[in-house]
Amino acid sequence: MTDTDPFGRAIRDHFLGERSEPLIDRDGDDTREHGIEEWYFGDHEEGAWRDEWLNGPLLDMGAGAGRDALYYQKRFETVAIEVSEHLVETMRDRGVEDARCADMFALPEHFPRDRFRSAHAIGTQIGLAGSMAGVREFLADLAYVTTPEATAVLDNYAPELEATSDVFAYREDPAPGLAYRVYHEEYEEEVGSTLVFRVFSVDRLREATVGTPWEVAATDYGDVQWRAVLEKHGE
């Protein structure tokens, strides 16, 4: 956890019933209130599209307050990771059986080879890889900690969709299939580090899988986002 963690602290305060101010996302003069209750404390959508692709042991990356981990651990072994100690404490208090403080962009430092049968990161966290080279490095690390027949589910905003340009903190990129989102978070008197999300299309994801054991097996689009299933091959 970084020295300042307004995001994690606000979510924990909300869980404890101690939050008196909103968590604010700020992009210059533009702000929005972060939807804590809606985004982190709702129920996992029963029969969600991605569920049929996931099996245990499952690695839940960027698990937030444990919404999905609570659902999946009833079905198979689930390990939930977050970089915020506040969020890890919240997940444990909510009943997540295996919640750990770990960085999804340093997986081999935390887990042995072939540890997981599947993995998912829902919430566009993959964009925090910062670049397509960073995405490719992440996919190689994810391959190390997953079994030869593993699957993974990732999501991101879709720069190829016209509506995505209206997403908060969106930045155009002249390169096809690429964009950015840049903002930081504020809670009470605490200001978080600037978050730079690399936004990329599914075609760019396919390019990033080259040289890794992954291939894109299925995709699903919403209004401004895609979700993709990756499967291992040729390992």
C-alpha atoms as a PDB file:
ATOM      1  CA  MET A   1       0.000   0.000   0.000  1.00  0.00           C
ATOM      2  CA  THR A   2       1.271   3.489  -0.801  1.00  0.00           C
ATOM      3  CA  ASP A   3       1.679   6.088   1.946  1.00  0.00           C
ATOM      4  CA  THR A   4      -1.537   7.732   0.754  1.00  0.00           C
ATOM      5  CA  ASP A   5      -4.505   5.505  -0.020  1.00  0.00           C
ATOM      6  CA  PRO A   6      -7.680   7.616  -0.177  1.00  0.00           C
ATOM      7  CA  PHE A   7      -9.348   4.986  -2.364  1.00  0.00           C
ATOM      8  CA  GLY A   8      -8.867   2.091   0.030  1.00  0.00           C
ATOM      9  CA  ARG A   9      -9.525   4.178   3.131  1.00  0.00           C
ATOM     10  CA  ALA A  10     -12.798   5.566   1.760  1.00  0.00           C
ATOM     11  CA  ILE A  11     -14.073   2.085   0.889  1.00  0.00           C
ATOM     12  CA  ARG A  12     -13.093   0.751   4.306  1.00  0.00           C
ATOM     13  CA  ASP A  13     -14.733   3.705   6.064  1.00  0.00           C
ATOM     14  CA  HIS A  14     -17.873   3.068   4.017  1.00  0.00           C
ATOM     15  CA  PHE A  15     -17.891  -0.577   5.083  1.00  0.00           C
ATOM     16  CA  LEU A  16     -17.433   0.421   8.739  1.00  0.00           C
ATOM     17  CA  GLY A  17     -20.185   3.046   8.521  1.00  0.00           C
ATOM     18  CA  GLU A  18     -17.676   5.796   9.228  1.00  0.00           C
ATOM     19  CA  ARG A  19     -17.571   7.617   5.902  1.00  0.00           C
ATOM     20  CA  SER A  20     -18.906  11.173   6.082  1.00  0.00           C
ATOM     21  CA  GLU A  21     -17.478  12.513   2.797  1.00  0.00           C
ATOM     22  CA  PRO A  22     -17.530  11.197  -0.779  1.00  0.00           C
ATOM     23  CA  LEU A  23     -14.554   9.692  -2.564  1.00  0.00           C
ATOM     24  CA  ILE A  24     -13.849  12.104  -5.430  1.00  0.00           C
ATOM     25  CA  ASP A  25     -12.231  11.289  -8.763  1.00  0.00           C
ATOM     26  CA  ARG A  26     -10.536  14.401 -10.159  1.00  0.00           C
ATOM     27  CA  ASP A  27      -9.297  15.198 -13.651  1.00  0.00           C
ATOM     28  CA  GLY A  28      -8.235  18.840 -13.491  1.00  0.00           C
ATOM     29  CA  ASP A  29     -11.418  20.812 -12.870  1.00  0.00           C
ATOM     30  CA  ASP A  30     -13.621  17.825 -13.738  1.00  0.00           C
ATOM     31  CA  THR A  31     -14.785  15.691 -10.832  1.00  0.00           C
ATOM     32  CA  ARG A  32     -17.150  12.842 -10.137  1.00  0.00           C
ATOM     33  CA  GLU A  33     -18.215  11.019  -7.005  1.00  0.00           C
ATOM     34  CA  HIS A  34     -16.861   7.466  -6.971  1.00  0.00           C
ATOM     35  CA  GLY A  35     -19.746   4.985  -6.759  1.00  0.00           C
ATOM     36  CA  ILE A  36     -18.568   3.011  -3.725  1.00  0.00           C
ATOM     37  CA  GLU A  37     -21.801   1.248  -2.779  1.00  0.00           C
ATOM     38  CA  GLU A  38     -22.789   0.488  -6.361  1.00  0.00           C
ATOM     39  CA  TRP A  39     -19.386  -0.619  -7.622  1.00  0.00           C
ATOM     40  CA  TYR A  40     -17.993  -2.547  -4.642  1.00  0.00           C
ATOM     41  CA  PHE A  41     -20.816  -3.709  -2.377  1.00  0.00           C
ATOM     42  CA  GLY A  42     -23.417  -4.940  -4.808  1.00  0.00           C
ATOM     43  CA  ASP A  43     -23.990  -8.623  -5.496  1.00  0.00           C
ATOM     44  CA  HIS A  44     -22.125 -10.616  -8.110  1.00  0.00           C
ATOM     45  CA  GLU A  45     -24.352 -10.960 -11.150  1.00  0.00           C
ATOM     46  CA  GLU A  46     -25.662 -14.521 -11.074  1.00  0.00           C
ATOM     47  CA  GLY A  47     -24.881 -16.291 -14.337  1.00  0.00           C
ATOM     48  CA  ALA A  48     -22.519 -13.567 -15.539  1.00  0.00           C
ATOM     49  CA  TRP A  49     -21.048 -14.169 -18.993  1.00  0.00           C
ATOM     50  CA  ARG A  50     -17.527 -14.663 -17.639  1.00  0.00           C
ATOM     51  CA  ASP A  51     -18.509 -17.303 -15.069  1.00  0.00           C
ATOM     52  CA  GLU A  52     -18.528 -20.201 -17.529  1.00  0.00           C
ATOM     53  CA  TRP A  53     -14.844 -19.563 -18.279  1.00  0.00           C
ATOM     54  CA  LEU A  54     -13.600 -19.578 -14.681  1.00  0.00           C
ATOM     55  CA  ASN A  55     -12.559 -22.539 -12.534  1.00  0.00           C
ATOM     56  CA  GLY A  56     -10.570 -23.028  -9.375  1.00  0.00           C
ATOM     57  CA  PRO A  57      -8.084 -22.350  -8.130  1.00  0.00           C
ATOM     58  CA  LEU A  58      -8.997 -18.801  -9.206  1.00  0.00           C
ATOM     59  CA  LEU A  59      -6.905 -15.657  -8.827  1.00  0.00           C
ATOM     60  CA  ASP A  60      -9.110 -12.574  -8.372  1.00  0.00           C
ATOM     61  CA  MET A  61      -6.868  -9.598  -9.228  1.00  0.00           C
ATOM     62  CA  GLY A  62      -7.848  -6.148  -8.020  1.00  0.00           C
ATOM     63  CA  ALA A  63     -10.595  -7.724  -5.957  1.00  0.00           C
ATOM     64  CA  GLY A  64     -11.863  -4.484  -4.396  1.00  0.00           C
ATOM     65  CA  ALA A  65     -14.085  -5.196  -1.412  1.00  0.00           C
ATOM     66  CA  GLY A  66     -14.472  -8.872  -2.321  1.00  0.00           C
ATOM     67  CA  ARG A  67     -17.787  -8.858  -4.171  1.00  0.00           C
ATOM     68  CA  ASP A  68     -16.768 -11.489  -6.733  1.00  0.00           C
ATOM     69  CA  ALA A  69     -14.441 -13.411  -4.407  1.00  0.00           C
ATOM     70  CA  LEU A  70     -17.320 -14.005  -1.983  1.00  0.00           C
ATOM     71  CA  TYR A  71     -19.307 -15.536  -4.828  1.00  0.00           C
ATOM     72  CA  TYR A  72     -16.555 -17.664  -6.350  1.00  0.00           C
ATOM     73  CA  GLN A  73     -15.149 -19.068  -3.092  1.00  0.00           C
ATOM     74  CA  LYS A  74     -18.428 -20.909  -2.555  1.00  0.00           C
ATOM     75  CA  ARG A  75     -17.706 -22.822  -5.753  1.00  0.00           C
ATOM     76  CA  PHE A  76     -13.922 -23.335  -5.756  1.00  0.00           C
ATOM     77  CA  GLU A  77     -10.700 -22.137  -4.182  1.00  0.00           C
ATOM     78  CA  THR A  78     -10.333 -18.385  -4.695  1.00  0.00           C
ATOM     79  CA  VAL A  79      -7.401 -16.122  -3.837  1.00  0.00           C
ATOM     80  CA  ALA A  80      -8.219 -12.394  -3.855  1.00  0.00           C
ATOM     81  CA  ILE A  81      -5.450  -9.800  -4.128  1.00  0.00           C
ATOM     82  CA  GLU A  82      -5.273  -6.034  -3.727  1.00  0.00           C
ATOM     83  CA  VAL A  83      -2.443  -3.533  -3.259  1.00  0.00           C
ATOM     84  CA  SER A  84      -4.400  -1.669  -0.556  1.00  0.00           C
ATOM     85  CA  GLU A  85      -4.157  -2.992   2.992  1.00  0.00           C
ATOM     86  CA  HIS A  86      -7.452  -1.229   3.736  1.00  0.00           C
ATOM     87  CA  LEU A  87      -9.166  -3.286   1.045  1.00  0.00           C
ATOM     88  CA  VAL A  88      -7.536  -6.533   2.164  1.00  0.00           C
ATOM     89  CA  GLU A  89      -8.767  -5.906   5.725  1.00  0.00           C
ATOM     90  CA  THR A  90     -12.235  -5.141   4.392  1.00  0.00           C
ATOM     91  CA  MET A  91     -12.343  -8.330   2.335  1.00  0.00           C
ATOM     92  CA  ARG A  92     -11.315 -10.404   5.346  1.00  0.00           C
ATOM     93  CA  ASP A  93     -13.952  -8.727   7.517  1.00  0.00           C
ATOM     94  CA  ARG A  94     -16.570  -9.494   4.868  1.00  0.00           C
ATOM     95  CA  GLY A  95     -15.668 -13.178   4.870  1.00  0.00           C
ATOM     96  CA  VAL A  96     -13.202 -13.591   2.012  1.00  0.00           C
ATOM     97  CA  GLU A  97     -11.256 -16.667   3.065  1.00  0.00           C
ATOM     98  CA  ASP A  98      -7.951 -15.917   1.291  1.00  0.00           C
ATOM     99  CA  ALA A  99      -7.378 -12.176   0.791  1.00  0.00           C
ATOM    100  CA  ARG A 100      -3.790 -11.019   0.340  1.00  0.00           C
ATOM    101  CA  CYS A 101      -1.894  -7.776  -0.204  1.00  0.00           C
ATOM    102  CA  ALA A 102      -0.180  -8.359  -3.566  1.00  0.00           C
ATOM    103  CA  ASP A 103       0.533  -6.493  -6.795  1.00  0.00           C
ATOM    104  CA  MET A 104      -1.050  -7.986  -9.924  1.00  0.00           C
ATOM    105  CA  PHE A 105       1.867  -6.580 -11.924  1.00  0.00           C
ATOM    106  CA  ALA A 106       4.408  -8.590  -9.917  1.00  0.00           C
ATOM    107  CA  LEU A 107       2.697 -11.986  -9.773  1.00  0.00           C
ATOM    108  CA  PRO A 108       5.830 -14.209  -9.800  1.00  0.00           C
ATOM    109  CA  GLU A 109       6.966 -12.440  -6.638  1.00  0.00           C
ATOM    110  CA  HIS A 110       3.849 -13.672  -4.836  1.00  0.00           C
ATOM    111  CA  PHE A 111       2.919 -17.045  -6.345  1.00  0.00           C
ATOM    112  CA  PRO A 112       4.694 -20.172  -7.665  1.00  0.00           C
ATOM    113  CA  ARG A 113       4.462 -21.519 -11.197  1.00  0.00           C
ATOM    114  CA  ASP A 114       1.159 -23.194 -12.197  1.00  0.00           C
ATOM    115  CA  ARG A 115      -0.641 -22.036  -9.035  1.00  0.00           C
ATOM    116  CA  PHE A 116      -4.007 -21.114 -10.630  1.00  0.00           C
ATOM    117  CA  ARG A 117      -6.416 -22.700 -13.098  1.00  0.00           C
ATOM    118  CA  SER A 118      -7.998 -19.365 -13.989  1.00  0.00           C
ATOM    119  CA  ALA A 119      -7.736 -15.657 -13.246  1.00  0.00           C
ATOM    120  CA  HIS A 120      -9.738 -12.530 -13.728  1.00  0.00           C
ATOM    121  CA  ALA A 121      -9.370  -8.761 -13.351  1.00  0.00           C
ATOM    122  CA  ILE A 122     -12.696  -6.952 -13.701  1.00  0.00           C
ATOM    123  CA  GLY A 123     -12.607  -3.165 -13.335  1.00  0.00           C
ATOM    124  CA  THR A 124     -10.183  -2.182 -16.136  1.00  0.00           C
ATOM    125  CA  GLN A 125      -7.177  -2.684 -13.809  1.00  0.00           C
ATOM    126  CA  ILE A 126      -5.219  -4.110 -16.745  1.00  0.00           C
ATOM    127  CA  GLY A 127      -4.911  -0.528 -17.992  1.00  0.00           C
ATOM    128  CA  LEU A 128      -2.618   0.261 -15.073  1.00  0.00           C
ATOM    129  CA  ALA A 129       0.076  -1.683 -16.909  1.00  0.00           C
ATOM    130  CA  GLY A 130       0.632   1.755 -18.446  1.00  0.00           C
ATOM    131  CA  SER A 131       1.703   0.656 -21.927  1.00  0.00           C
ATOM    132  CA  MET A 132       1.215  -2.196 -24.353  1.00  0.00           C
ATOM    133  CA  ALA A 133       4.710  -3.421 -23.467  1.00  0.00           C
ATOM    134  CA  GLY A 134       3.536  -3.467 -19.862  1.00  0.00           C
ATOM    135  CA  VAL A 135       0.435  -5.445 -20.861  1.00  0.00           C
ATOM    136  CA  ARG A 136       2.616  -8.005 -22.654  1.00  0.00           C
ATOM    137  CA  GLU A 137       4.858  -8.328 -19.587  1.00  0.00           C
ATOM    138  CA  PHE A 138       1.787  -8.795 -17.392  1.00  0.00           C
ATOM    139  CA  LEU A 139       0.494 -11.573 -19.680  1.00  0.00           C
ATOM    140  CA  ALA A 140       3.856 -13.343 -19.468  1.00  0.00           C
ATOM    141  CA  ASP A 141       3.777 -13.125 -15.657  1.00  0.00           C
ATOM    142  CA  LEU A 142       0.176 -14.354 -15.594  1.00  0.00           C
ATOM    143  CA  ALA A 143       1.211 -17.309 -17.750  1.00  0.00           C
ATOM    144  CA  TYR A 144       3.889 -18.197 -15.183  1.00  0.00           C
ATOM    145  CA  VAL A 145       1.446 -18.480 -12.253  1.00  0.00           C
ATOM    146  CA  THR A 146      -1.305 -20.320 -14.185  1.00  0.00           C
ATOM    147  CA  THR A 147      -1.566 -23.901 -15.383  1.00  0.00           C
ATOM    148  CA  PRO A 148      -1.039 -24.932 -19.036  1.00  0.00           C
ATOM    149  CA  GLU A 149      -4.809 -25.173 -19.640  1.00  0.00           C
ATOM    150  CA  ALA A 150      -5.647 -21.917 -17.851  1.00  0.00           C
ATOM    151  CA  THR A 151      -8.186 -19.251 -18.779  1.00  0.00           C
ATOM    152  CA  ALA A 152      -8.249 -15.559 -17.875  1.00  0.00           C
ATOM    153  CA  VAL A 153     -10.922 -12.868 -18.128  1.00  0.00           C
ATOM    154  CA  LEU A 154      -9.911  -9.218 -18.545  1.00  0.00           C
ATOM    155  CA  ASP A 155     -11.756  -6.015 -19.413  1.00  0.00           C
ATOM    156  CA  ASN A 156     -11.044  -2.483 -20.552  1.00  0.00           C
ATOM    157  CA  TYR A 157     -12.723   0.503 -22.126  1.00  0.00           C
ATOM    158  CA  ALA A 158     -13.118   0.208 -25.898  1.00  0.00           C
ATOM    159  CA  PRO A 159     -11.581   3.169 -27.754  1.00  0.00           C
ATOM    160  CA  GLU A 160     -13.084   1.922 -31.013  1.00  0.00           C
ATOM    161  CA  LEU A 161     -16.599   2.690 -29.696  1.00  0.00           C
ATOM    162  CA  GLU A 162     -17.805   6.269 -30.169  1.00  0.00           C
ATOM    163  CA  ALA A 163     -19.506   6.435 -26.760  1.00  0.00           C
ATOM    164  CA  THR A 164     -16.222   5.716 -24.958  1.00  0.00           C
ATOM    165  CA  SER A 165     -14.969   9.246 -25.669  1.00  0.00           C
ATOM    166  CA  ASP A 166     -17.441  10.480 -23.039  1.00  0.00           C
ATOM    167  CA  VAL A 167     -15.946   8.309 -20.279  1.00  0.00           C
ATOM    168  CA  PHE A 168     -14.567  10.279 -17.320  1.00  0.00           C
ATOM    169  CA  ALA A 169     -10.934  11.407 -17.709  1.00  0.00           C
ATOM    170  CA  TYR A 170     -10.660   9.972 -21.241  1.00  0.00           C
ATOM    171  CA  ARG A 171      -7.745  11.046 -23.447  1.00  0.00           C
ATOM    172  CA  GLU A 172      -7.606  10.446 -27.189  1.00  0.00           C
ATOM    173  CA  ASP A 173      -4.546   8.854 -28.774  1.00  0.00           C
ATOM    174  CA  PRO A 174      -3.755   9.305 -32.491  1.00  0.00           C
ATOM    175  CA  ALA A 175      -2.755   5.641 -32.756  1.00  0.00           C
ATOM    176  CA  PRO A 176      -5.643   3.348 -33.757  1.00  0.00           C
ATOM    177  CA  GLY A 177      -7.157   1.313 -30.931  1.00  0.00           C
ATOM    178  CA  LEU A 178      -5.400   3.215 -28.146  1.00  0.00           C
ATOM    179  CA  ALA A 179      -6.302   5.898 -25.607  1.00  0.00           C
ATOM    180  CA  TYR A 180      -5.666   6.860 -21.969  1.00  0.00           C
ATOM    181  CA  ARG A 181      -7.541   7.751 -18.821  1.00  0.00           C
ATOM    182  CA  VAL A 182      -5.774   9.988 -16.290  1.00  0.00           C
ATOM    183  CA  TYR A 183      -7.109  11.085 -12.899  1.00  0.00           C
ATOM    184  CA  HIS A 184      -6.491  10.938  -9.166  1.00  0.00           C
ATOM    185  CA  GLU A 185      -8.677  10.392  -6.114  1.00  0.00           C
ATOM    186  CA  GLU A 186      -9.365  12.576  -3.093  1.00  0.00           C
ATOM    187  CA  TYR A 187     -10.925  11.656   0.240  1.00  0.00           C
ATOM    188  CA  GLU A 188     -11.163  14.047   3.144  1.00  0.00           C
ATOM    189  CA  GLU A 189      -7.761  15.803   3.135  1.00  0.00           C
ATOM    190  CA  GLU A 190      -5.933  12.973   1.380  1.00  0.00           C
ATOM    191  CA  VAL A 191      -4.906  13.126  -2.300  1.00  0.00           C
ATOM    192  CA  GLY A 192      -3.904   9.960  -4.101  1.00  0.00           C
ATOM    193  CA  SER A 193      -1.281   9.397  -6.770  1.00  0.00           C
ATOM    194  CA  THR A 194      -2.136  10.102 -10.392  1.00  0.00           C
ATOM    195  CA  LEU A 195      -3.587   7.010 -12.079  1.00  0.00           C
ATOM    196  CA  VAL A 196      -2.682   6.496 -15.734  1.00  0.00           C
ATOM    197  CA  PHE A 197      -4.762   3.796 -17.422  1.00  0.00           C
ATOM    198  CA  ARG A 198      -3.781   2.553 -20.894  1.00  0.00           C
ATOM    199  CA  VAL A 199      -7.012   2.044 -22.825  1.00  0.00           C
ATOM    200  CA  PHE A 200      -6.768  -0.407 -25.718  1.00  0.00           C
ATOM    201  CA  SER A 201      -8.992  -2.320 -28.091  1.00  0.00           C
ATOM    202  CA  VAL A 202      -9.388  -6.086 -28.341  1.00  0.00           C
ATOM    203  CA  ASP A 203      -7.302  -6.013 -31.523  1.00  0.00           C
ATOM    204  CA  ARG A 204      -4.500  -4.392 -29.522  1.00  0.00           C
ATOM    205  CA  LEU A 205      -4.940  -7.074 -26.866  1.00  0.00           C
ATOM    206  CA  ARG A 206      -4.508  -9.712 -29.561  1.00  0.00           C
ATOM    207  CA  GLU A 207      -1.284  -8.037 -30.632  1.00  0.00           C
ATOM    208  CA  ALA A 208      -0.094  -8.047 -27.011  1.00  0.00           C
ATOM    209  CA  THR A 209      -0.594 -11.807 -26.746  1.00  0.00           C
ATOM    210  CA  VAL A 210       1.980 -12.437 -29.493  1.00  0.00           C
ATOM    211  CA  GLY A 211       4.971 -14.136 -27.922  1.00  0.00           C
ATOM    212  CA  THR A 212       2.926 -15.284 -24.913  1.00  0.00           C
ATOM    213  CA  PRO A 213       0.990 -18.557 -24.455  1.00  0.00           C
ATOM    214  CA  TRP A 214      -2.340 -16.670 -24.526  1.00  0.00           C
ATOM    215  CA  GLU A 215      -4.870 -16.200 -27.296  1.00  0.00           C
ATOM    216  CA  VAL A 216      -8.200 -14.365 -27.290  1.00  0.00           C
ATOM    217  CA  ALA A 217     -10.945 -16.996 -27.250  1.00  0.00           C
ATOM    218  CA  ALA A 218     -14.103 -14.907 -26.798  1.00  0.00           C
ATOM    219  CA  THR A 219     -15.227 -11.302 -26.352  1.00  0.00           C
ATOM    220  CA  ASP A 220     -18.286  -9.515 -25.049  1.00  0.00           C
ATOM    221  CA  TYR A 221     -19.047  -5.801 -25.515  1.00  0.00           C
ATOM    222  CA  GLY A 222     -21.015  -3.358 -23.411  1.00  0.00           C
ATOM    223  CA  ASP A 223     -21.781   0.274 -24.221  1.00  0.00           C
ATOM    224  CA  VAL A 224     -18.206   1.479 -23.649  1.00  0.00           C
ATOM    225  CA  GLN A 225     -16.241  -1.594 -22.536  1.00  0.00           C
ATOM    226  CA  TRP A 226     -15.163  -5.008 -23.713  1.00  0.00           C
ATOM    227  CA  ARG A 227     -14.496  -8.215 -21.806  1.00  0.00           C
ATOM    228  CA  ALA A 228     -12.253 -10.878 -23.232  1.00  0.00           C
ATOM    229  CA  VAL A 229     -11.488 -14.484 -22.408  1.00  0.00           C
ATOM    230  CA  LEU A 230      -7.893 -15.608 -22.882  1.00  0.00           C
ATOM    231  CA  GLU A 231      -6.923 -19.255 -23.179  1.00  0.00           C
ATOM    232  CA  LYS A 232      -3.484 -20.806 -22.965  1.00  0.00           C
ATOM    233  CA  HIS A 233      -2.062 -22.495 -26.063  1.00  0.00           C
ATOM    234  CA  GLY A 234       1.190 -24.021 -27.187  1.00  0.00           C
ATOM    235  CA  GLU A 235       2.831 -24.054 -23.749  1.00  0.00           C
END
